[in-house]
Protein backbone atom coordinates (compact mmCIF):
# COMPACT_ATOMS: atom_id res chain seq x y z
CA GLN A 1 16.94 9.55 38.49
CA VAL A 2 16.19 7.00 35.82
CA GLN A 3 14.17 8.47 33.00
CA ILE A 4 13.04 7.25 29.59
CA VAL A 5 11.28 9.64 27.25
CA GLU A 6 9.83 8.49 23.95
CA SER A 7 8.69 10.75 21.13
CA GLY A 8 7.93 10.82 17.44
CA GLY A 9 4.60 9.07 17.29
CA GLY A 10 1.52 10.38 15.56
CA LEU A 11 -1.23 9.68 13.09
CA VAL A 12 -0.08 8.30 9.76
CA GLN A 13 -1.84 6.77 6.80
CA PRO A 14 -1.26 3.14 5.83
CA GLY A 15 2.00 2.87 3.95
CA GLY A 16 3.42 5.89 5.73
CA SER A 17 6.57 6.29 7.79
CA LEU A 18 7.56 7.53 11.23
CA ARG A 19 10.78 7.85 13.15
CA LEU A 20 10.53 7.23 16.87
CA SER A 21 13.11 8.52 19.33
CA CYS A 22 13.88 7.62 22.90
CA VAL A 23 16.24 9.27 25.36
CA ALA A 24 17.25 7.20 28.35
CA SER A 25 19.24 8.56 31.28
CA GLY A 26 19.98 8.05 34.95
CA MET A 27 21.68 4.67 34.82
CA ALA A 28 24.22 2.81 32.70
CA PHE A 29 22.01 2.37 29.65
CA SER A 30 25.10 2.50 27.45
CA SER A 31 26.08 -0.96 28.73
CA LEU A 32 22.67 -2.46 27.99
CA ALA A 33 21.07 -3.84 24.87
CA MET A 34 18.04 -1.65 24.23
CA ALA A 35 14.74 -2.45 22.60
CA TRP A 36 11.56 -0.97 21.28
CA PHE A 37 8.34 -2.53 22.49
CA ARG A 38 4.74 -1.87 21.59
CA GLN A 39 1.39 -2.43 23.20
CA GLY A 40 -1.67 -2.42 21.00
CA PRO A 41 -5.24 -1.91 22.20
CA GLY A 42 -6.23 -4.84 24.41
CA LYS A 43 -2.92 -6.57 23.82
CA GLU A 44 0.14 -7.36 25.89
CA ARG A 45 3.36 -5.45 25.46
CA GLU A 46 5.65 -7.11 22.91
CA VAL A 47 9.17 -6.49 21.74
CA VAL A 48 9.61 -5.17 18.20
CA ALA A 49 13.37 -4.85 17.79
CA TRP A 50 16.53 -4.59 19.85
CA VAL A 51 20.06 -3.33 19.45
CA SER A 52 23.24 -4.38 21.24
CA HIS A 53 24.89 -2.07 23.75
CA ASN A 54 27.31 -0.70 21.15
CA GLY A 55 24.93 -0.70 18.19
CA ALA A 56 26.87 -3.36 16.32
CA SER A 57 24.09 -5.93 16.30
CA THR A 58 20.37 -5.59 15.70
CA ASN A 59 17.50 -8.03 15.81
CA TYR A 60 13.93 -7.80 14.61
CA ARG A 61 10.83 -9.76 15.37
CA ASP A 62 8.79 -10.96 12.45
CA ILE A 63 5.90 -8.66 13.33
CA MET A 64 7.73 -5.68 11.78
CA LYS A 65 10.80 -7.25 10.20
CA GLY A 66 11.78 -5.59 6.93
CA ARG A 67 9.81 -2.47 7.78
CA VAL A 68 11.78 -1.11 10.73
CA THR A 69 15.35 -0.17 11.52
CA ILE A 70 16.63 0.28 15.06
CA SER A 71 19.72 2.30 15.92
CA ARG A 72 21.27 4.05 18.89
CA ASP A 73 23.68 6.75 19.97
CA ASN A 74 25.58 6.40 23.26
CA ALA A 75 26.50 9.74 24.74
CA LYS A 76 28.26 10.37 28.04
CA ASP A 77 25.18 10.46 30.25
CA THR A 78 22.34 9.51 27.92
CA VAL A 79 21.45 6.94 25.34
CA SER A 80 19.24 7.70 22.36
CA VAL A 81 17.49 4.87 20.61
CA TYR A 82 15.68 5.28 17.31
CA LEU A 83 13.12 3.25 15.42
CA GLU A 84 12.63 4.06 11.76
CA MET A 85 9.30 2.60 10.64
CA ASN A 86 8.15 2.29 7.04
CA ASN A 87 5.15 0.86 5.22
CA LEU A 88 3.08 1.12 8.35
CA LYS A 89 -0.09 -0.92 8.64
CA PRO A 90 -3.24 -0.41 10.73
CA GLU A 91 -2.20 -3.35 12.91
CA ASP A 92 0.91 -1.40 13.89
CA THR A 93 -1.30 0.96 15.88
CA ALA A 94 0.02 0.86 19.43
CA VAL A 95 1.87 2.74 22.12
CA TYR A 96 5.58 2.29 21.53
CA TYR A 97 8.06 2.10 24.40
CA CYS A 98 11.82 1.96 24.76
CA ASN A 99 13.66 0.06 27.50
CA SER A 100 16.41 -2.46 28.11
CA VAL A 101 15.75 -5.62 26.13
CA ALA A 102 15.50 -7.85 29.17
CA SER A 103 14.54 -7.63 32.81
CA PRO A 104 15.17 -6.04 35.14
CA PHE A 105 13.57 -3.23 33.16
CA ALA A 106 14.02 0.39 34.03
CA ARG A 107 10.91 2.33 34.97
CA TRP A 108 8.83 2.56 31.82
CA GLY A 109 8.35 5.87 30.10
CA GLN A 110 5.02 7.19 28.94
CA GLY A 111 5.48 5.77 25.48
CA THR A 112 4.56 7.40 22.19
CA GLN A 113 1.28 6.70 20.42
CA VAL A 114 1.39 5.52 16.82
CA THR A 115 -1.92 5.41 15.00
CA VAL A 116 -2.10 4.06 11.48
CA SER A 117 -5.38 4.94 9.84
CA SER A 118 -6.79 6.39 6.68
């Protein structure tokens, strides 16, 4: 059974930091480039960063470039993907999701809410 579980979100003040985690299992996620996406209030889901299947290469969109670091650990049956976020801004408020970087996407997890507010 394919499952993606995100965690680590919360309420943080502007300028603060969070570390998001994702555990993906049930299919060959270790052979896939993985990404973090976010969906803000009233907005479409957008990709934030992605990492190659072996973690050797990372890419960041301008929306959070310089403020986030993506990484991953490939275990035997699960893949963990992390997003270290710094200097958070109110416009970073969104639900953050983890999935393969490109379609076909696995079934989406519930995401983790990040709220940046003073």
